[in-house]
Structure formats: structure tokens, C-alpha cells
Protein backbone atom coordinates (compact mmCIF):
# COMPACT_ATOMS: atom_id res chain seq x y z
CA MET A 1 0.47 3.37 29.29
CA THR A 2 0.12 1.49 26.01
CA ASP A 3 0.02 4.69 23.95
CA GLN A 4 3.43 5.88 25.17
CA PHE A 5 6.25 6.08 22.63
CA ASP A 6 9.84 7.26 22.33
CA ALA A 7 10.23 10.75 20.89
CA ASP A 8 12.01 10.80 17.55
CA ALA A 9 12.67 13.16 14.63
CA TYR A 10 14.86 13.44 11.56
CA TYR A 11 15.52 15.87 8.71
CA ASP A 12 14.82 14.85 5.13
CA ASN A 13 13.13 15.82 1.89
CA CYS A 14 9.58 14.57 1.35
CA SER A 15 9.60 11.96 -1.43
CA ILE A 16 6.18 13.19 -2.54
CA CYS A 17 6.26 16.99 -2.56
CA GLY A 18 10.01 17.55 -2.07
CA ALA A 19 9.78 19.84 0.98
CA PHE A 20 12.86 19.69 3.24
CA GLN A 21 11.86 19.64 6.89
CA LEU A 22 12.01 18.02 10.31
CA PHE A 23 9.80 14.94 10.39
CA GLU A 24 8.58 14.29 13.93
CA ARG A 25 7.03 11.28 15.59
CA THR A 26 3.70 12.24 17.18
CA LYS A 27 2.10 8.87 17.85
CA LYS A 28 3.00 5.28 18.68
CA ALA A 29 2.25 3.70 15.29
CA ILE A 30 5.52 4.36 13.46
CA ARG A 31 4.21 4.08 9.91
CA GLU A 32 1.28 6.40 10.65
CA THR A 33 3.25 9.40 11.85
CA TYR A 34 6.24 11.60 10.80
CA LYS A 35 3.73 13.66 8.84
CA CYS A 36 4.90 15.99 6.08
CA LYS A 37 4.06 19.54 7.06
CA SER A 38 3.64 20.49 3.41
CA CYS A 39 1.59 17.74 1.72
CA GLY A 40 0.38 15.81 4.78
CA ALA A 41 1.90 12.47 3.72
CA LEU A 42 2.68 9.96 6.45
CA LEU A 43 5.82 7.85 6.64
CA ARG A 44 4.27 4.84 4.91
CA ASP A 45 2.97 7.09 2.09
CA ARG A 46 6.38 8.63 1.53
CA GLU A 47 8.16 5.28 1.51
CA GLN A 48 5.71 3.93 -1.02
CA ALA A 49 6.24 7.04 -3.15
CA ARG A 50 10.00 6.62 -2.84
CA ALA A 51 9.66 3.07 -4.16
CA ILE A 52 7.62 4.27 -7.14
CA VAL A 53 10.17 6.98 -7.95
CA LEU A 54 13.05 4.52 -7.66
CA GLU A 55 11.43 2.09 -10.10
CA TYR A 56 10.00 4.59 -12.58
CA GLY A 57 12.09 7.76 -12.25
CA HIS A 58 15.23 6.37 -13.95
CA GLY A 59 17.31 8.82 -11.93
CA ASN A 60 15.57 11.82 -13.49
CA SER A 61 12.89 12.32 -10.83
CA LYS A 62 13.53 12.87 -7.13
CA THR A 63 9.91 13.10 -5.98
CA LEU A 64 6.45 11.93 -6.98
CA ASP A 65 5.69 15.54 -7.94
CA ASP A 66 8.56 15.36 -10.44
CA LEU A 67 7.54 11.94 -11.72
CA VAL A 68 3.97 12.84 -12.69
CA LYS A 69 5.37 15.55 -15.00
CA ASP A 70 7.54 13.04 -16.87
CA PRO A 71 5.91 12.00 -20.19
CA GLY A 72 7.61 8.64 -19.91
CA PHE A 73 5.70 7.94 -16.71
CA THR A 74 2.32 9.34 -17.69
CA VAL A 75 1.81 6.66 -20.36
CA ASN A 76 1.66 3.96 -17.66
CA ARG A 77 -1.69 2.40 -16.81
CA ILE A 78 -2.00 2.72 -13.03
CA TYR A 79 -4.58 1.07 -10.78
CA GLU A 80 -5.10 2.08 -7.15
CA PRO A 81 -7.97 0.60 -5.14
CA GLY A 82 -9.10 2.50 -2.06
CA THR A 83 -10.22 6.01 -1.21
CA SER A 84 -7.59 7.51 1.10
CA GLY A 85 -3.97 8.56 0.82
CA PRO A 86 -2.01 11.31 -0.96
CA PHE A 87 -1.36 9.68 -4.36
CA ARG A 88 -4.76 10.54 -5.81
CA ASN A 89 -3.98 14.25 -5.72
CA TYR A 90 -0.94 13.63 -7.92
CA PHE A 91 -2.35 10.93 -10.22
CA LYS A 92 -5.90 12.17 -10.78
CA ASN A 93 -5.04 14.09 -13.95
CA LEU A 94 -3.02 11.31 -15.53
CA PRO A 95 -4.70 9.82 -18.63
CA PHE A 96 -4.54 6.17 -17.52
CA TYR A 97 -5.18 6.29 -13.77
CA TYR A 98 -7.92 3.99 -12.49
CA GLN A 99 -9.46 3.80 -9.03
CA SER A 100 -11.99 1.57 -7.34
CA VAL A 101 -13.55 1.02 -3.95
CA PHE A 102 -14.91 -2.01 -2.14
CA TYR A 103 -18.49 -1.52 -0.97
CA ASP A 104 -19.16 -4.18 1.64
CA GLN A 105 -22.81 -3.25 2.13
CA PRO A 106 -25.39 -3.77 -0.68
CA GLU A 107 -27.00 -0.40 0.01
CA ASP A 108 -23.66 1.33 -0.53
CA LEU A 109 -23.49 -0.09 -4.04
CA ILE A 110 -26.69 1.78 -4.78
CA LYS A 111 -25.90 5.03 -2.96
CA HIS A 112 -22.29 5.53 -4.03
CA THR A 113 -21.47 5.55 -7.71
CA GLN A 114 -18.48 7.92 -7.88
CA LEU A 115 -16.00 5.02 -8.05
CA PRO A 116 -16.56 1.51 -9.39
CA HIS A 117 -16.91 -1.38 -6.98
CA GLN A 118 -14.13 -3.97 -7.13
CA SER A 119 -13.30 -6.92 -4.92
CA ILE A 120 -9.55 -7.36 -4.93
CA GLU A 121 -10.11 -11.12 -4.73
CA SER A 122 -12.14 -11.08 -7.95
CA LEU A 123 -11.26 -8.13 -10.17
CA THR A 124 -13.31 -7.51 -13.31
CA TYR A 125 -10.39 -6.11 -15.33
CA ASN A 126 -8.92 -8.03 -18.25
CA ASP A 127 -5.58 -9.81 -18.05
CA SER A 128 -2.33 -7.80 -18.33
CA VAL A 129 -3.93 -4.35 -18.56
CA PHE A 130 -1.94 -2.42 -15.93
CA ASP A 131 1.70 -1.36 -15.62
CA LEU A 132 1.54 -0.41 -11.94
CA VAL A 133 -0.79 -1.37 -9.09
CA ILE A 134 -0.60 0.49 -5.78
CA THR A 135 -2.27 -0.78 -2.62
CA SER A 136 -1.90 0.89 0.75
CA ASP A 137 -2.62 -1.17 3.88
CA ILE A 138 -5.34 -3.21 2.18
CA PHE A 139 -4.10 -6.80 2.16
CA GLU A 140 -4.21 -7.32 5.92
CA HIS A 141 -7.98 -6.85 5.57
CA VAL A 142 -8.42 -9.28 2.65
CA ARG A 143 -10.11 -12.57 3.49
CA ARG A 144 -7.99 -14.63 1.09
CA PRO A 145 -4.77 -12.69 0.49
CA SER A 146 -3.18 -15.39 -1.70
CA VAL A 147 -6.17 -15.24 -4.04
CA ALA A 148 -5.88 -11.44 -4.17
CA PHE A 149 -2.13 -11.53 -4.88
CA ALA A 150 -2.85 -13.83 -7.84
CA GLU A 151 -5.53 -11.41 -9.07
CA ILE A 152 -3.10 -8.49 -8.94
CA ALA A 153 -0.59 -10.56 -10.92
CA ARG A 154 -3.27 -11.42 -13.48
CA VAL A 155 -4.19 -7.81 -14.25
CA LEU A 156 -0.54 -6.67 -14.38
CA ARG A 157 1.51 -7.07 -17.53
CA VAL A 158 4.68 -9.15 -17.21
CA GLY A 159 7.32 -6.77 -15.84
CA GLY A 160 4.70 -4.58 -14.16
CA PHE A 161 4.94 -3.63 -10.49
CA HIS A 162 2.71 -4.00 -7.46
CA ILE A 163 4.12 -1.57 -4.88
CA PHE A 164 2.31 -1.85 -1.59
CA THR A 165 2.26 -1.62 2.16
CA VAL A 166 0.93 -3.81 4.93
CA PRO A 167 1.79 -3.38 8.63
CA LEU A 168 5.37 -4.66 8.41
CA GLN A 169 8.38 -3.42 10.32
CA ASP A 170 11.51 -4.96 11.80
CA PRO A 171 11.84 -7.32 13.50
CA LEU A 172 9.62 -9.20 11.04
CA LEU A 173 7.59 -12.18 12.14
CA PRO A 174 9.15 -15.28 10.54
CA LYS A 175 5.69 -16.59 9.61
CA SER A 176 2.43 -14.82 8.89
CA ILE A 177 -0.37 -15.37 11.41
CA ALA A 178 -3.95 -15.93 10.30
CA ARG A 179 -6.17 -14.12 12.79
CA VAL A 180 -9.31 -15.44 11.10
CA LYS A 181 -10.04 -18.79 9.46
CA VAL A 182 -12.12 -18.33 6.31
CA ASP A 183 -14.66 -21.08 5.62
CA GLY A 184 -16.76 -20.11 2.62
CA ASP A 185 -18.69 -17.02 3.69
CA ILE A 186 -18.03 -17.71 7.37
CA ASP A 187 -15.26 -16.08 9.42
CA ILE A 188 -13.97 -18.14 12.34
CA HIS A 189 -11.95 -15.97 14.72
CA LEU A 190 -8.75 -17.63 15.87
CA LEU A 191 -7.46 -14.59 17.79
CA PRO A 192 -9.13 -11.59 19.43
CA GLU A 193 -10.72 -9.35 16.81
CA ARG A 194 -8.59 -6.45 15.62
CA TYR A 195 -9.83 -3.55 13.51
CA HIS A 196 -8.25 -0.65 11.61
CA GLY A 197 -9.93 2.45 10.25
CA ASN A 198 -11.15 1.89 6.68
CA GLY A 199 -10.78 5.44 5.34
CA LYS A 200 -14.56 5.75 5.04
CA GLY A 201 -15.35 6.46 8.67
CA GLY A 202 -15.77 2.80 9.60
CA ARG A 203 -13.61 -0.15 10.63
CA SER A 204 -12.07 -3.08 8.77
CA LEU A 205 -11.29 -6.43 10.35
CA VAL A 206 -7.66 -7.58 10.26
CA TYR A 207 -7.43 -11.10 8.81
CA THR A 208 -3.66 -11.56 8.66
CA ASP A 209 -0.59 -10.40 10.55
CA PHE A 210 2.02 -10.72 7.80
CA GLY A 211 5.56 -11.94 8.34
CA GLN A 212 8.68 -12.52 6.28
CA ASP A 213 7.02 -15.41 4.45
CA ILE A 214 4.83 -12.94 2.55
CA ALA A 215 7.62 -13.14 -0.07
CA GLU A 216 6.83 -16.84 -0.52
CA MET A 217 3.13 -16.08 -1.07
CA LEU A 218 4.10 -13.51 -3.70
CA THR A 219 6.46 -15.92 -5.44
CA VAL A 220 3.61 -18.42 -5.81
CA ALA A 221 1.48 -15.63 -7.32
CA GLY A 222 4.18 -14.90 -9.92
CA PHE A 223 6.13 -12.02 -8.35
CA SER A 224 9.71 -11.29 -7.43
CA THR A 225 9.86 -9.32 -4.18
CA LYS A 226 12.11 -6.70 -2.60
CA PHE A 227 11.77 -5.42 0.97
CA LEU A 228 12.50 -1.69 0.81
CA ARG A 229 13.56 0.04 4.02
CA PRO A 230 14.20 3.75 4.64
CA LYS A 231 17.70 5.16 4.82
CA THR A 232 17.40 7.99 7.32
CA GLN A 233 19.07 9.26 10.47
CA SER A 234 16.38 7.51 12.54
CA ALA A 235 16.80 3.84 13.48
CA ILE A 236 13.11 3.74 14.38
CA VAL A 237 12.06 4.96 10.94
CA ASN A 238 14.49 2.59 9.24
CA SER A 239 12.58 -0.41 10.64
CA VAL A 240 9.61 0.17 8.31
CA VAL A 241 9.16 -2.12 5.29
CA THR A 242 7.61 -1.37 1.88
CA LEU A 243 7.02 -4.22 -0.59
CA VAL A 244 8.20 -3.78 -4.16
CA THR A 245 7.03 -6.70 -6.29
CA ARG A 246 7.37 -7.31 -10.01
CA ARG A 247 5.38 -9.75 -12.10
CA THR A 248 7.84 -12.24 -13.54
CA CYS A 249 5.63 -14.67 -15.42
């Protein structure tokens, strides 16, 4: 059966809430399991949080819960598009935390006004206004990812970070695969359609299966890139990749 998977588990502290526990694999998709029994964070959430703590904690913070209490961190201007994930619970009371959502239906723009609408390919923010941008499994659904990477670089100050996830794990594809050819407003499907949940009860089309050459795309956009991998007792878990990029110019 296609939904079968190898059982796996490891002990560790949660990089978000700090709880020490046994993290267990309960589904096939590696990045979407190993759920924290305390805060509910999945593996990809915790690895992204670990990257944020490594870059901003300066050795003084061990978890995201620690970091948001550090006055040196709270002065950062943080932008996170999207509506799901655990970070909002920790960042929502910070003075310079900004969120947005992409409403793909005109009627949704009228009905939903809690969060501003932003297209990640054409952000309305001024240049160099953010210190940190966080995106979680968004870019595989972006029609023109290179355009969106350049937009993230534009709104980040030089030296600012874009810490993000897309479905990447070892062994990495050497080259990214475009599943859809974008021609103006028209999508031409090159491969069978693939969808992921969009966090709003619907589905989002996958446009790109990213590979190792994502670093080259990010270099063109003005970023230096690190591939961060876990360091756990589980070889399966250690195959997951988080992207830590810094605007260089």
C-alpha cells in the first residue's frame, strides 16, 4: 500500500516549547509527522524554529519560547504570510509582527478582512522593511517562484533572513521540476496535477518540485543559502531540509 511507512521514533526537546519527549512517526510524509505532544508542532515546524533560534538566539535561547522573551529579538520586524502553523501563537504579541493571506477568490477579498491580502509575487510593502520573513510550504504553490524570491529579497533589509520550508528531503533532486508551465494567466500542466491542503480547508496546486538548484535561484534573487538538516538519533528525520537564506545585496 502506498500509505505504508517504516516505524520510527526518537527522543529530543521540542525547539518551540522545550518539552522533552519521544517524537513518533505516525504517517508517511516525514516532515508532517513526529508531532510534539505539548505544543502540537510538526517536524518541519520545529526545524524551522530551530533555524530561527540558531540565527537570532546568540546562544542565549534554546527554544522559540525563550526567544520571544528576549528584548533583543522582539525589536525585529517579522513578516509571515499564511494562516496555519504554530509560530503565530508565539509571535502574535510581538510589536512588529505582520501577517497576510492570499485570497484567490474575489469574493473572499470581500468576506474576509481579518488579515490583509498579499500576493507573494507582488508584495505591497516598501523596500527593506523587514528583518525576518518566514514562509512555510508556500513556494511550491507559487506560480513564478523566482519572482517571489526577488520580492522577499526586496522587502528584507540587507542582512535580513528568509527562513523557509518547501518539500525538500534527501536525496535531493539535482534540478527542480516545473509541474506547470505559466503563460500569462494560463497554467499549462506538464505533469499530472498535484495538490496540497492550503490551511483554509481547500487545496493548492503544486507548481514546482524543488531540487538542489533552488540555491541558484536564491543566489540570483540576492541571497546566500544554507541547507539546515536535523541532528537527531533518527536517520529518517535527518533527511529533512530547511532553507536558511540571508539577503546579501
